[in-house]
PDB file of N, CA and C in Angstrom:
ATOM      1  N   UNK A   1     -14.641 -72.066 -51.585  1.00  0.00           N
ATOM      2  CA  UNK A   1     -15.387 -70.905 -50.737  1.00  0.00           C
ATOM      3  C   UNK A   1     -15.167 -69.901 -51.908  1.00  0.00           C
ATOM      4  N   UNK A   2     -16.188 -69.299 -51.991  1.00  0.00           N
ATOM      5  CA  UNK A   2     -16.273 -68.044 -53.239  1.00  0.00           C
ATOM      6  C   UNK A   2     -15.655 -66.817 -52.891  1.00  0.00           C
ATOM      7  N   UNK A   3     -14.808 -66.089 -53.603  1.00  0.00           N
ATOM      8  CA  UNK A   3     -14.307 -64.510 -53.351  1.00  0.00           C
ATOM      9  C   UNK A   3     -15.155 -63.637 -54.007  1.00  0.00           C
ATOM     10  N   UNK A   4     -14.896 -62.452 -53.448  1.00  0.00           N
ATOM     11  CA  UNK A   4     -15.620 -61.421 -54.041  1.00  0.00           C
ATOM     12  C   UNK A   4     -14.582 -60.749 -55.019  1.00  0.00           C
ATOM     13  N   UNK A   5     -14.796 -60.939 -56.326  1.00  0.00           N
ATOM     14  CA  UNK A   5     -13.635 -60.256 -57.427  1.00  0.00           C
ATOM     15  C   UNK A   5     -13.918 -59.008 -57.469  1.00  0.00           C
ATOM     16  N   UNK A   6     -12.983 -58.009 -57.603  1.00  0.00           N
ATOM     17  CA  UNK A   6     -13.558 -56.745 -58.087  1.00  0.00           C
ATOM     18  C   UNK A   6     -12.306 -56.235 -58.878  1.00  0.00           C
ATOM     19  N   UNK A   7     -12.610 -55.501 -59.815  1.00  0.00           N
ATOM     20  CA  UNK A   7     -12.128 -54.667 -60.912  1.00  0.00           C
ATOM     21  C   UNK A   7     -11.237 -53.160 -60.030  1.00  0.00           C
ATOM     22  N   UNK A   8     -10.109 -52.925 -60.119  1.00  0.00           N
ATOM     23  CA  UNK A   8      -9.270 -51.363 -59.895  1.00  0.00           C
ATOM     24  C   UNK A   8     -10.291 -50.579 -60.828  1.00  0.00           C
ATOM     25  N   UNK A   9     -10.912 -49.489 -60.384  1.00  0.00           N
ATOM     26  CA  UNK A   9     -11.534 -48.746 -61.139  1.00  0.00           C
ATOM     27  C   UNK A   9     -11.245 -48.515 -62.681  1.00  0.00           C
ATOM     28  N   UNK A  10      -9.861 -48.288 -62.935  1.00  0.00           N
ATOM     29  CA  UNK A  10      -9.515 -47.986 -64.208  1.00  0.00           C
ATOM     30  C   UNK A  10      -9.626 -49.428 -64.757  1.00  0.00           C
ATOM     31  N   UNK A  11      -9.816 -50.414 -64.316  1.00  0.00           N
ATOM     32  CA  UNK A  11      -9.855 -51.791 -65.567  1.00  0.00           C
ATOM     33  C   UNK A  11     -11.251 -52.378 -65.330  1.00  0.00           C
ATOM     34  N   UNK A  12     -12.057 -51.796 -64.402  1.00  0.00           N
ATOM     35  CA  UNK A  12     -13.363 -52.001 -64.864  1.00  0.00           C
ATOM     36  C   UNK A  12     -14.090 -50.971 -66.143  1.00  0.00           C
ATOM     37  N   UNK A  13     -13.330 -49.920 -66.028  1.00  0.00           N
ATOM     38  CA  UNK A  13     -13.946 -48.899 -67.163  1.00  0.00           C
ATOM     39  C   UNK A  13     -13.228 -49.406 -68.484  1.00  0.00           C
ATOM     40  N   UNK A  14     -11.686 -50.097 -68.204  1.00  0.00           N
ATOM     41  CA  UNK A  14     -11.853 -50.657 -69.677  1.00  0.00           C
ATOM     42  C   UNK A  14     -12.407 -51.855 -70.098  1.00  0.00           C
ATOM     43  N   UNK A  15     -12.979 -52.618 -68.921  1.00  0.00           N
ATOM     44  CA  UNK A  15     -13.874 -53.988 -69.649  1.00  0.00           C
ATOM     45  C   UNK A  15     -14.774 -53.321 -69.978  1.00  0.00           C
ATOM     46  N   UNK A  16     -15.505 -52.322 -69.529  1.00  0.00           N
ATOM     47  CA  UNK A  16     -17.109 -51.786 -69.941  1.00  0.00           C
ATOM     48  C   UNK A  16     -17.143 -51.126 -71.092  1.00  0.00           C
ATOM     49  N   UNK A  17     -15.262 -50.339 -71.416  1.00  0.00           N
ATOM     50  CA  UNK A  17     -15.607 -49.769 -72.530  1.00  0.00           C
ATOM     51  C   UNK A  17     -15.355 -50.377 -73.565  1.00  0.00           C
ATOM     52  N   UNK A  18     -15.077 -52.007 -73.355  1.00  0.00           N
ATOM     53  CA  UNK A  18     -15.024 -52.748 -74.792  1.00  0.00           C
ATOM     54  C   UNK A  18     -16.192 -53.301 -75.202  1.00  0.00           C
ATOM     55  N   UNK A  19     -17.034 -53.502 -73.651  1.00  0.00           N
ATOM     56  CA  UNK A  19     -18.503 -54.354 -73.670  1.00  0.00           C
ATOM     57  C   UNK A  19     -19.180 -52.971 -74.686  1.00  0.00           C
ATOM     58  N   UNK A  20     -19.132 -51.951 -74.207  1.00  0.00           N
ATOM     59  CA  UNK A  20     -19.710 -50.628 -75.201  1.00  0.00           C
ATOM     60  C   UNK A  20     -19.495 -50.813 -76.241  1.00  0.00           C
ATOM     61  N   UNK A  21     -18.033 -50.628 -76.723  1.00  0.00           N
ATOM     62  CA  UNK A  21     -17.566 -50.782 -78.129  1.00  0.00           C
ATOM     63  C   UNK A  21     -18.380 -51.784 -78.894  1.00  0.00           C
ATOM     64  N   UNK A  22     -18.569 -53.047 -78.179  1.00  0.00           N
ATOM     65  CA  UNK A  22     -19.028 -54.092 -78.849  1.00  0.00           C
ATOM     66  C   UNK A  22     -20.529 -54.199 -79.264  1.00  0.00           C
ATOM     67  N   UNK A  23     -21.207 -53.317 -77.966  1.00  0.00           N
ATOM     68  CA  UNK A  23     -22.602 -53.143 -78.459  1.00  0.00           C
ATOM     69  C   UNK A  23     -22.759 -52.101 -79.458  1.00  0.00           C
ATOM     70  N   UNK A  24     -21.715 -51.153 -79.426  1.00  0.00           N
ATOM     71  CA  UNK A  24     -21.998 -50.126 -80.468  1.00  0.00           C
ATOM     72  C   UNK A  24     -21.854 -50.708 -81.981  1.00  0.00           C
ATOM     73  N   UNK A  25     -20.839 -51.678 -82.028  1.00  0.00           N
ATOM     74  CA  UNK A  25     -20.416 -52.054 -83.261  1.00  0.00           C
ATOM     75  C   UNK A  25     -21.289 -52.923 -83.829  1.00  0.00           C
ATOM     76  N   UNK A  26     -21.891 -53.536 -82.904  1.00  0.00           N
ATOM     77  CA  UNK A  26     -23.317 -54.562 -83.281  1.00  0.00           C
ATOM     78  C   UNK A  26     -24.371 -53.834 -83.772  1.00  0.00           C
ATOM     79  N   UNK A  27     -24.643 -52.456 -83.035  1.00  0.00           N
ATOM     80  CA  UNK A  27     -25.931 -51.696 -83.798  1.00  0.00           C
ATOM     81  C   UNK A  27     -25.574 -51.475 -85.035  1.00  0.00           C
ATOM     82  N   UNK A  28     -23.842 -51.104 -85.306  1.00  0.00           N
ATOM     83  CA  UNK A  28     -23.759 -50.349 -86.599  1.00  0.00           C
ATOM     84  C   UNK A  28     -23.353 -51.529 -87.805  1.00  0.00           C
ATOM     85  N   UNK A  29     -23.722 -52.332 -87.506  1.00  0.00           N
ATOM     86  CA  UNK A  29     -23.324 -53.707 -88.346  1.00  0.00           C
ATOM     87  C   UNK A  29     -21.760 -53.949 -88.523  1.00  0.00           C
ATOM     88  N   UNK A  30     -20.989 -53.952 -87.499  1.00  0.00           N
ATOM     89  CA  UNK A  30     -19.493 -54.097 -87.930  1.00  0.00           C
ATOM     90  C   UNK A  30     -18.948 -55.497 -87.542  1.00  0.00           C
ATOM     91  N   UNK A  31     -18.552 -56.033 -88.077  1.00  0.00           N
ATOM     92  CA  UNK A  31     -18.141 -57.359 -87.933  1.00  0.00           C
ATOM     93  C   UNK A  31     -17.222 -57.644 -86.727  1.00  0.00           C
ATOM     94  N   UNK A  32     -16.406 -56.506 -86.343  1.00  0.00           N
ATOM     95  CA  UNK A  32     -15.926 -56.820 -85.038  1.00  0.00           C
ATOM     96  C   UNK A  32     -16.666 -56.851 -83.838  1.00  0.00           C
ATOM     97  N   UNK A  33     -17.930 -56.647 -84.291  1.00  0.00           N
ATOM     98  CA  UNK A  33     -18.619 -56.688 -82.368  1.00  0.00           C
ATOM     99  C   UNK A  33     -18.518 -58.421 -82.136  1.00  0.00           C
ATOM    100  N   UNK A  34     -18.837 -59.241 -82.932  1.00  0.00           N
ATOM    101  CA  UNK A  34     -18.947 -61.028 -82.431  1.00  0.00           C
ATOM    102  C   UNK A  34     -17.302 -61.330 -81.804  1.00  0.00           C
ATOM    103  N   UNK A  35     -16.214 -60.542 -82.122  1.00  0.00           N
ATOM    104  CA  UNK A  35     -15.124 -60.536 -81.684  1.00  0.00           C
ATOM    105  C   UNK A  35     -15.089 -60.071 -80.053  1.00  0.00           C
ATOM    106  N   UNK A  36     -15.334 -58.848 -80.198  1.00  0.00           N
ATOM    107  CA  UNK A  36     -15.314 -58.174 -79.136  1.00  0.00           C
ATOM    108  C   UNK A  36     -16.574 -58.956 -78.034  1.00  0.00           C
ATOM    109  N   UNK A  37     -17.147 -59.165 -78.218  1.00  0.00           N
ATOM    110  CA  UNK A  37     -18.295 -60.117 -77.402  1.00  0.00           C
ATOM    111  C   UNK A  37     -17.879 -61.158 -76.740  1.00  0.00           C
ATOM    112  N   UNK A  38     -17.008 -62.003 -78.063  1.00  0.00           N
ATOM    113  CA  UNK A  38     -16.548 -63.284 -77.282  1.00  0.00           C
ATOM    114  C   UNK A  38     -15.239 -62.802 -76.362  1.00  0.00           C
ATOM    115  N   UNK A  39     -14.693 -61.822 -76.499  1.00  0.00           N
ATOM    116  CA  UNK A  39     -13.631 -61.514 -75.739  1.00  0.00           C
ATOM    117  C   UNK A  39     -13.805 -60.686 -74.410  1.00  0.00           C
ATOM    118  N   UNK A  40     -15.189 -60.330 -74.576  1.00  0.00           N
ATOM    119  CA  UNK A  40     -15.419 -59.858 -72.876  1.00  0.00           C
ATOM    120  C   UNK A  40     -16.103 -61.211 -72.261  1.00  0.00           C
ATOM    121  N   UNK A  41     -16.647 -62.248 -73.315  1.00  0.00           N
ATOM    122  CA  UNK A  41     -17.268 -63.575 -72.298  1.00  0.00           C
ATOM    123  C   UNK A  41     -15.933 -64.074 -71.781  1.00  0.00           C
ATOM    124  N   UNK A  42     -14.980 -64.284 -72.624  1.00  0.00           N
ATOM    125  CA  UNK A  42     -13.956 -65.290 -72.160  1.00  0.00           C
ATOM    126  C   UNK A  42     -13.393 -64.190 -71.012  1.00  0.00           C
ATOM    127  N   UNK A  43     -13.122 -63.094 -70.704  1.00  0.00           N
ATOM    128  CA  UNK A  43     -12.693 -62.327 -69.363  1.00  0.00           C
ATOM    129  C   UNK A  43     -13.306 -62.651 -68.500  1.00  0.00           C
ATOM    130  N   UNK A  44     -15.157 -62.666 -68.471  1.00  0.00           N
ATOM    131  CA  UNK A  44     -16.328 -62.793 -67.665  1.00  0.00           C
ATOM    132  C   UNK A  44     -15.973 -64.022 -67.055  1.00  0.00           C
ATOM    133  N   UNK A  45     -15.680 -65.332 -67.920  1.00  0.00           N
ATOM    134  CA  UNK A  45     -15.531 -66.330 -67.456  1.00  0.00           C
ATOM    135  C   UNK A  45     -14.116 -66.908 -66.826  1.00  0.00           C
ATOM    136  N   UNK A  46     -13.296 -66.322 -67.254  1.00  0.00           N
ATOM    137  CA  UNK A  46     -11.604 -66.400 -66.361  1.00  0.00           C
ATOM    138  C   UNK A  46     -12.182 -65.536 -65.053  1.00  0.00           C
ATOM    139  N   UNK A  47     -13.339 -64.587 -64.396  1.00  0.00           N
ATOM    140  CA  UNK A  47     -13.254 -63.834 -63.232  1.00  0.00           C
ATOM    141  C   UNK A  47     -13.722 -65.001 -62.590  1.00  0.00           C
ATOM    142  N   UNK A  48     -14.840 -65.700 -63.222  1.00  0.00           N
ATOM    143  CA  UNK A  48     -15.564 -66.498 -62.335  1.00  0.00           C
ATOM    144  C   UNK A  48     -14.913 -67.905 -61.771  1.00  0.00           C
ATOM    145  N   UNK A  49     -13.368 -68.242 -62.827  1.00  0.00           N
ATOM    146  CA  UNK A  49     -11.955 -69.098 -61.991  1.00  0.00           C
ATOM    147  C   UNK A  49     -11.403 -68.515 -60.952  1.00  0.00           C
ATOM    148  N   UNK A  50     -11.432 -66.971 -60.846  1.00  0.00           N
ATOM    149  CA  UNK A  50     -10.783 -66.292 -59.561  1.00  0.00           C
ATOM    150  C   UNK A  50     -11.680 -66.284 -58.327  1.00  0.00           C
ATOM    151  N   UNK A  51     -13.029 -66.442 -58.669  1.00  0.00           N
ATOM    152  CA  UNK A  51     -13.657 -66.548 -57.181  1.00  0.00           C
ATOM    153  C   UNK A  51     -13.580 -67.886 -56.694  1.00  0.00           C
ATOM    154  N   UNK A  52     -13.125 -68.997 -57.203  1.00  0.00           N
ATOM    155  CA  UNK A  52     -12.877 -69.881 -56.697  1.00  0.00           C
ATOM    156  C   UNK A  52     -11.478 -70.553 -56.266  1.00  0.00           C
ATOM    157  N   UNK A  53     -10.748 -70.299 -57.259  1.00  0.00           N
ATOM    158  CA  UNK A  53      -9.299 -70.849 -57.504  1.00  0.00           C
ATOM    159  C   UNK A  53      -8.295 -69.769 -57.429  1.00  0.00           C
ATOM    160  N   UNK A  54      -7.978 -68.428 -56.969  1.00  0.00           N
ATOM    161  CA  UNK A  54      -7.180 -67.728 -57.265  1.00  0.00           C
ATOM    162  C   UNK A  54      -5.729 -68.088 -56.969  1.00  0.00           C
ATOM    163  N   UNK A  55      -5.241 -69.261 -55.978  1.00  0.00           N
ATOM    164  CA  UNK A  55      -3.884 -69.559 -56.271  1.00  0.00           C
ATOM    165  C   UNK A  55      -3.824 -71.034 -56.969  1.00  0.00           C
ATOM    166  N   UNK A  56      -4.461 -70.818 -57.931  1.00  0.00           N
ATOM    167  CA  UNK A  56      -4.363 -72.178 -59.020  1.00  0.00           C
ATOM    168  C   UNK A  56      -3.379 -70.938 -60.528  1.00  0.00           C
ATOM    169  N   UNK A  57      -3.555 -70.072 -59.921  1.00  0.00           N
ATOM    170  CA  UNK A  57      -2.880 -68.999 -60.899  1.00  0.00           C
ATOM    171  C   UNK A  57      -1.567 -68.882 -60.803  1.00  0.00           C
ATOM    172  N   UNK A  58      -0.686 -68.228 -61.996  1.00  0.00           N
ATOM    173  CA  UNK A  58       0.879 -68.467 -61.804  1.00  0.00           C
ATOM    174  C   UNK A  58       1.317 -66.998 -61.232  1.00  0.00           C
ATOM    175  N   UNK A  59       2.289 -67.036 -60.255  1.00  0.00           N
ATOM    176  CA  UNK A  59       2.814 -65.851 -59.518  1.00  0.00           C
ATOM    177  C   UNK A  59       3.531 -65.006 -60.592  1.00  0.00           C
ATOM    178  N   UNK A  60       3.311 -64.002 -60.371  1.00  0.00           N
ATOM    179  CA  UNK A  60       3.263 -62.387 -61.124  1.00  0.00           C
ATOM    180  C   UNK A  60       5.137 -62.310 -61.136  1.00  0.00           C
ATOM    181  N   UNK A  61       5.888 -62.133 -62.426  1.00  0.00           N
ATOM    182  CA  UNK A  61       7.058 -62.323 -62.574  1.00  0.00           C
ATOM    183  C   UNK A  61       7.449 -61.096 -61.704  1.00  0.00           C
ATOM    184  N   UNK A  62       8.553 -60.358 -61.225  1.00  0.00           N
ATOM    185  CA  UNK A  62       9.020 -59.098 -60.930  1.00  0.00           C
ATOM    186  C   UNK A  62       8.108 -58.783 -59.964  1.00  0.00           C
ATOM    187  N   UNK A  63       8.101 -57.710 -59.505  1.00  0.00           N
ATOM    188  CA  UNK A  63       7.550 -56.746 -58.618  1.00  0.00           C
ATOM    189  C   UNK A  63       7.883 -57.422 -57.100  1.00  0.00           C
ATOM    190  N   UNK A  64       6.952 -57.195 -55.867  1.00  0.00           N
ATOM    191  CA  UNK A  64       7.697 -57.386 -54.891  1.00  0.00           C
ATOM    192  C   UNK A  64       8.019 -58.876 -54.200  1.00  0.00           C
ATOM    193  N   UNK A  65       7.430 -59.658 -55.170  1.00  0.00           N
ATOM    194  CA  UNK A  65       8.092 -61.147 -55.076  1.00  0.00           C
ATOM    195  C   UNK A  65       6.836 -61.597 -54.007  1.00  0.00           C
ATOM    196  N   UNK A  66       5.913 -61.187 -53.774  1.00  0.00           N
ATOM    197  CA  UNK A  66       4.608 -61.547 -52.785  1.00  0.00           C
ATOM    198  C   UNK A  66       4.204 -62.713 -53.643  1.00  0.00           C
ATOM    199  N   UNK A  67       3.579 -63.973 -52.985  1.00  0.00           N
ATOM    200  CA  UNK A  67       2.892 -65.217 -53.349  1.00  0.00           C
ATOM    201  C   UNK A  67       1.299 -64.831 -53.595  1.00  0.00           C
ATOM    202  N   UNK A  68       0.794 -63.440 -53.112  1.00  0.00           N
ATOM    203  CA  UNK A  68      -0.678 -62.897 -53.369  1.00  0.00           C
ATOM    204  C   UNK A  68      -0.655 -61.951 -54.404  1.00  0.00           C
ATOM    205  N   UNK A  69       0.545 -61.725 -55.613  1.00  0.00           N
ATOM    206  CA  UNK A  69       0.281 -61.054 -56.648  1.00  0.00           C
ATOM    207  C   UNK A  69       0.558 -62.033 -57.670  1.00  0.00           C
ATOM    208  N   UNK A  70      -0.286 -61.980 -58.462  1.00  0.00           N
ATOM    209  CA  UNK A  70      -0.648 -63.292 -59.723  1.00  0.00           C
ATOM    210  C   UNK A  70      -1.157 -62.874 -60.662  1.00  0.00           C
ATOM    211  N   UNK A  71      -0.998 -63.817 -61.891  1.00  0.00           N
ATOM    212  CA  UNK A  71      -1.451 -63.276 -63.092  1.00  0.00           C
ATOM    213  C   UNK A  71      -2.254 -64.812 -63.616  1.00  0.00           C
ATOM    214  N   UNK A  72      -3.403 -63.975 -64.557  1.00  0.00           N
ATOM    215  CA  UNK A  72      -4.262 -65.584 -64.729  1.00  0.00           C
ATOM    216  C   UNK A  72      -4.244 -65.166 -66.328  1.00  0.00           C
ATOM    217  N   UNK A  73      -3.871 -66.626 -66.798  1.00  0.00           N
ATOM    218  CA  UNK A  73      -4.260 -66.532 -68.575  1.00  0.00           C
ATOM    219  C   UNK A  73      -5.131 -66.559 -69.177  1.00  0.00           C
ATOM    220  N   UNK A  74      -5.613 -65.750 -69.976  1.00  0.00           N
ATOM    221  CA  UNK A  74      -7.052 -65.688 -70.162  1.00  0.00           C
ATOM    222  C   UNK A  74      -7.142 -66.327 -71.863  1.00  0.00           C
ATOM    223  N   UNK A  75      -6.974 -67.253 -72.190  1.00  0.00           N
ATOM    224  CA  UNK A  75      -6.714 -67.634 -73.781  1.00  0.00           C
ATOM    225  C   UNK A  75      -8.259 -67.089 -74.527  1.00  0.00           C
ATOM    226  N   UNK A  76      -7.710 -66.297 -75.627  1.00  0.00           N
ATOM    227  CA  UNK A  76      -8.703 -65.968 -76.895  1.00  0.00           C
ATOM    228  C   UNK A  76      -7.984 -65.846 -77.982  1.00  0.00           C
ATOM    229  N   UNK A  77      -8.133 -66.735 -78.892  1.00  0.00           N
ATOM    230  CA  UNK A  77      -7.871 -66.630 -80.413  1.00  0.00           C
ATOM    231  C   UNK A  77      -6.606 -66.963 -80.551  1.00  0.00           C
ATOM    232  N   UNK A  78      -5.694 -66.362 -81.439  1.00  0.00           N
ATOM    233  CA  UNK A  78      -4.374 -66.763 -81.211  1.00  0.00           C
ATOM    234  C   UNK A  78      -3.366 -66.476 -80.025  1.00  0.00           C
ATOM    235  N   UNK A  79      -3.939 -65.661 -79.235  1.00  0.00           N
ATOM    236  CA  UNK A  79      -3.144 -64.813 -78.456  1.00  0.00           C
ATOM    237  C   UNK A  79      -4.189 -64.550 -76.779  1.00  0.00           C
ATOM    238  N   UNK A  80      -4.431 -63.904 -76.827  1.00  0.00           N
ATOM    239  CA  UNK A  80      -5.417 -63.829 -75.329  1.00  0.00           C
ATOM    240  C   UNK A  80      -4.762 -62.762 -74.434  1.00  0.00           C
ATOM    241  N   UNK A  81      -5.598 -63.095 -73.201  1.00  0.00           N
ATOM    242  CA  UNK A  81      -5.229 -61.552 -72.396  1.00  0.00           C
ATOM    243  C   UNK A  81      -4.517 -62.219 -70.944  1.00  0.00           C
ATOM    244  N   UNK A  82      -3.882 -61.179 -70.359  1.00  0.00           N
ATOM    245  CA  UNK A  82      -3.147 -61.538 -68.838  1.00  0.00           C
ATOM    246  C   UNK A  82      -4.164 -60.638 -68.237  1.00  0.00           C
ATOM    247  N   UNK A  83      -4.487 -61.368 -66.895  1.00  0.00           N
ATOM    248  CA  UNK A  83      -5.286 -60.124 -65.884  1.00  0.00           C
ATOM    249  C   UNK A  83      -4.116 -60.594 -64.460  1.00  0.00           C
ATOM    250  N   UNK A  84      -3.591 -59.079 -64.165  1.00  0.00           N
ATOM    251  CA  UNK A  84      -2.590 -59.450 -63.143  1.00  0.00           C
ATOM    252  C   UNK A  84      -3.883 -58.850 -61.831  1.00  0.00           C
ATOM    253  N   UNK A  85      -3.474 -59.459 -60.578  1.00  0.00           N
ATOM    254  CA  UNK A  85      -4.546 -59.847 -59.923  1.00  0.00           C
ATOM    255  C   UNK A  85      -3.687 -59.760 -58.412  1.00  0.00           C
ATOM    256  N   UNK A  86      -4.242 -59.297 -57.466  1.00  0.00           N
ATOM    257  CA  UNK A  86      -3.756 -59.473 -55.942  1.00  0.00           C
ATOM    258  C   UNK A  86      -5.021 -59.988 -55.105  1.00  0.00           C
ATOM    259  N   UNK A  87      -4.528 -60.985 -54.243  1.00  0.00           N
ATOM    260  CA  UNK A  87      -5.698 -61.899 -53.326  1.00  0.00           C
ATOM    261  C   UNK A  87      -5.391 -61.367 -52.219  1.00  0.00           C
ATOM    262  N   UNK A  88      -6.121 -60.272 -51.731  1.00  0.00           N
ATOM    263  CA  UNK A  88      -6.259 -59.353 -50.461  1.00  0.00           C
ATOM    264  C   UNK A  88      -6.019 -60.397 -49.593  1.00  0.00           C
ATOM    265  N   UNK A  89      -7.255 -60.889 -49.337  1.00  0.00           N
ATOM    266  CA  UNK A  89      -7.314 -61.732 -47.910  1.00  0.00           C
ATOM    267  C   UNK A  89      -8.205 -62.820 -48.189  1.00  0.00           C
ATOM    268  N   UNK A  90      -8.891 -63.694 -47.238  1.00  0.00           N
ATOM    269  CA  UNK A  90      -9.823 -65.170 -47.778  1.00  0.00           C
ATOM    270  C   UNK A  90     -10.748 -64.966 -48.524  1.00  0.00           C
ATOM    271  N   UNK A  91     -11.332 -63.549 -48.781  1.00  0.00           N
ATOM    272  CA  UNK A  91     -12.441 -63.285 -49.078  1.00  0.00           C
ATOM    273  C   UNK A  91     -12.386 -62.364 -50.369  1.00  0.00           C
ATOM    274  N   UNK A  92     -10.970 -61.657 -50.339  1.00  0.00           N
ATOM    275  CA  UNK A  92     -11.162 -60.858 -51.450  1.00  0.00           C
ATOM    276  C   UNK A  92      -9.924 -60.692 -52.816  1.00  0.00           C
ATOM    277  N   UNK A  93     -10.691 -60.284 -53.838  1.00  0.00           N
ATOM    278  CA  UNK A  93      -8.994 -60.679 -55.040  1.00  0.00           C
ATOM    279  C   UNK A  93      -9.690 -59.294 -55.813  1.00  0.00           C
ATOM    280  N   UNK A  94      -8.362 -58.435 -56.168  1.00  0.00           N
ATOM    281  CA  UNK A  94      -8.691 -57.542 -56.662  1.00  0.00           C
ATOM    282  C   UNK A  94      -7.812 -57.665 -58.321  1.00  0.00           C
ATOM    283  N   UNK A  95      -8.367 -57.443 -59.268  1.00  0.00           N
ATOM    284  CA  UNK A  95      -7.982 -57.341 -60.513  1.00  0.00           C
ATOM    285  C   UNK A  95      -7.391 -55.687 -60.776  1.00  0.00           C
ATOM    286  N   UNK A  96      -6.067 -55.870 -61.125  1.00  0.00           N
ATOM    287  CA  UNK A  96      -5.157 -54.403 -60.825  1.00  0.00           C
ATOM    288  C   UNK A  96      -4.903 -54.538 -62.554  1.00  0.00           C
ATOM    289  N   UNK A  97      -4.821 -55.326 -63.279  1.00  0.00           N
ATOM    290  CA  UNK A  97      -4.797 -54.699 -64.674  1.00  0.00           C
ATOM    291  C   UNK A  97      -5.198 -56.121 -65.638  1.00  0.00           C
ATOM    292  N   UNK A  98      -5.618 -55.421 -66.740  1.00  0.00           N
ATOM    293  CA  UNK A  98      -6.037 -56.558 -67.867  1.00  0.00           C
ATOM    294  C   UNK A  98      -5.100 -56.346 -69.076  1.00  0.00           C
ATOM    295  N   UNK A  99      -4.514 -56.717 -69.779  1.00  0.00           N
ATOM    296  CA  UNK A  99      -3.790 -56.665 -71.240  1.00  0.00           C
ATOM    297  C   UNK A  99      -3.850 -57.546 -72.192  1.00  0.00           C
ATOM    298  N   UNK A 100      -3.572 -56.926 -73.482  1.00  0.00           N
ATOM    299  CA  UNK A 100      -3.638 -58.417 -74.493  1.00  0.00           C
ATOM    300  C   UNK A 100      -2.165 -58.652 -74.464  1.00  0.00           C
ATOM    301  N   UNK A 101      -1.933 -60.198 -74.798  1.00  0.00           N
ATOM    302  CA  UNK A 101      -0.691 -60.509 -74.724  1.00  0.00           C
ATOM    303  C   UNK A 101       0.619 -59.828 -76.044  1.00  0.00           C
ATOM    304  N   UNK A 102      -0.415 -59.360 -76.999  1.00  0.00           N
ATOM    305  CA  UNK A 102       0.132 -58.876 -78.235  1.00  0.00           C
ATOM    306  C   UNK A 102       0.297 -57.260 -77.968  1.00  0.00           C
ATOM    307  N   UNK A 103       0.242 -57.244 -76.419  1.00  0.00           N
ATOM    308  CA  UNK A 103       0.686 -55.135 -76.759  1.00  0.00           C
ATOM    309  C   UNK A 103       1.769 -55.352 -76.698  1.00  0.00           C
ATOM    310  N   UNK A 104       2.656 -53.938 -77.139  1.00  0.00           N
ATOM    311  CA  UNK A 104       3.831 -53.840 -77.477  1.00  0.00           C
ATOM    312  C   UNK A 104       4.820 -54.224 -76.293  1.00  0.00           C
ATOM    313  N   UNK A 105       4.425 -53.495 -75.017  1.00  0.00           N
ATOM    314  CA  UNK A 105       5.270 -53.967 -73.790  1.00  0.00           C
ATOM    315  C   UNK A 105       5.108 -55.139 -72.885  1.00  0.00           C
ATOM    316  N   UNK A 106       4.117 -56.227 -73.630  1.00  0.00           N
ATOM    317  CA  UNK A 106       4.293 -57.729 -72.680  1.00  0.00           C
ATOM    318  C   UNK A 106       5.375 -58.381 -73.116  1.00  0.00           C
ATOM    319  N   UNK A 107       5.843 -58.927 -72.237  1.00  0.00           N
ATOM    320  CA  UNK A 107       7.025 -59.895 -72.114  1.00  0.00           C
ATOM    321  C   UNK A 107       6.438 -61.138 -71.948  1.00  0.00           C
TER     322      UNK A 107
END
C-alpha cells in the first residue's frame, strides 16, 4: 500500500530552496549545480521509499519514544542526509525535518 508523504511546510520550503539554488547555479554556470541536483534527486528517491516501507527505517533516538517517529538515512557522497518523519496513520507520513549529517548539531 502506498502512503501519502508530505513535508511539514518548513521542510518543503527547505527542499524547494535547494532546488531553486541548483537551478540558479545551473543558469549561471556554477559547478555546484550538479551536486545540488544530485542531492535533490537523492532526497526525492528516499521519499519514494517512505511511500511503501516507512517502518523499515530506524526508530528516532530520544523524543517521546514512539515507534511512529523514525529516521531515514539518505546516502549522498561522503555523508548524506537524515530525514526525521512521523507515521501518522496507515495512509499518511509527515517529514518533520531534513538535515545534512555534517551539520554541527548532528550527533
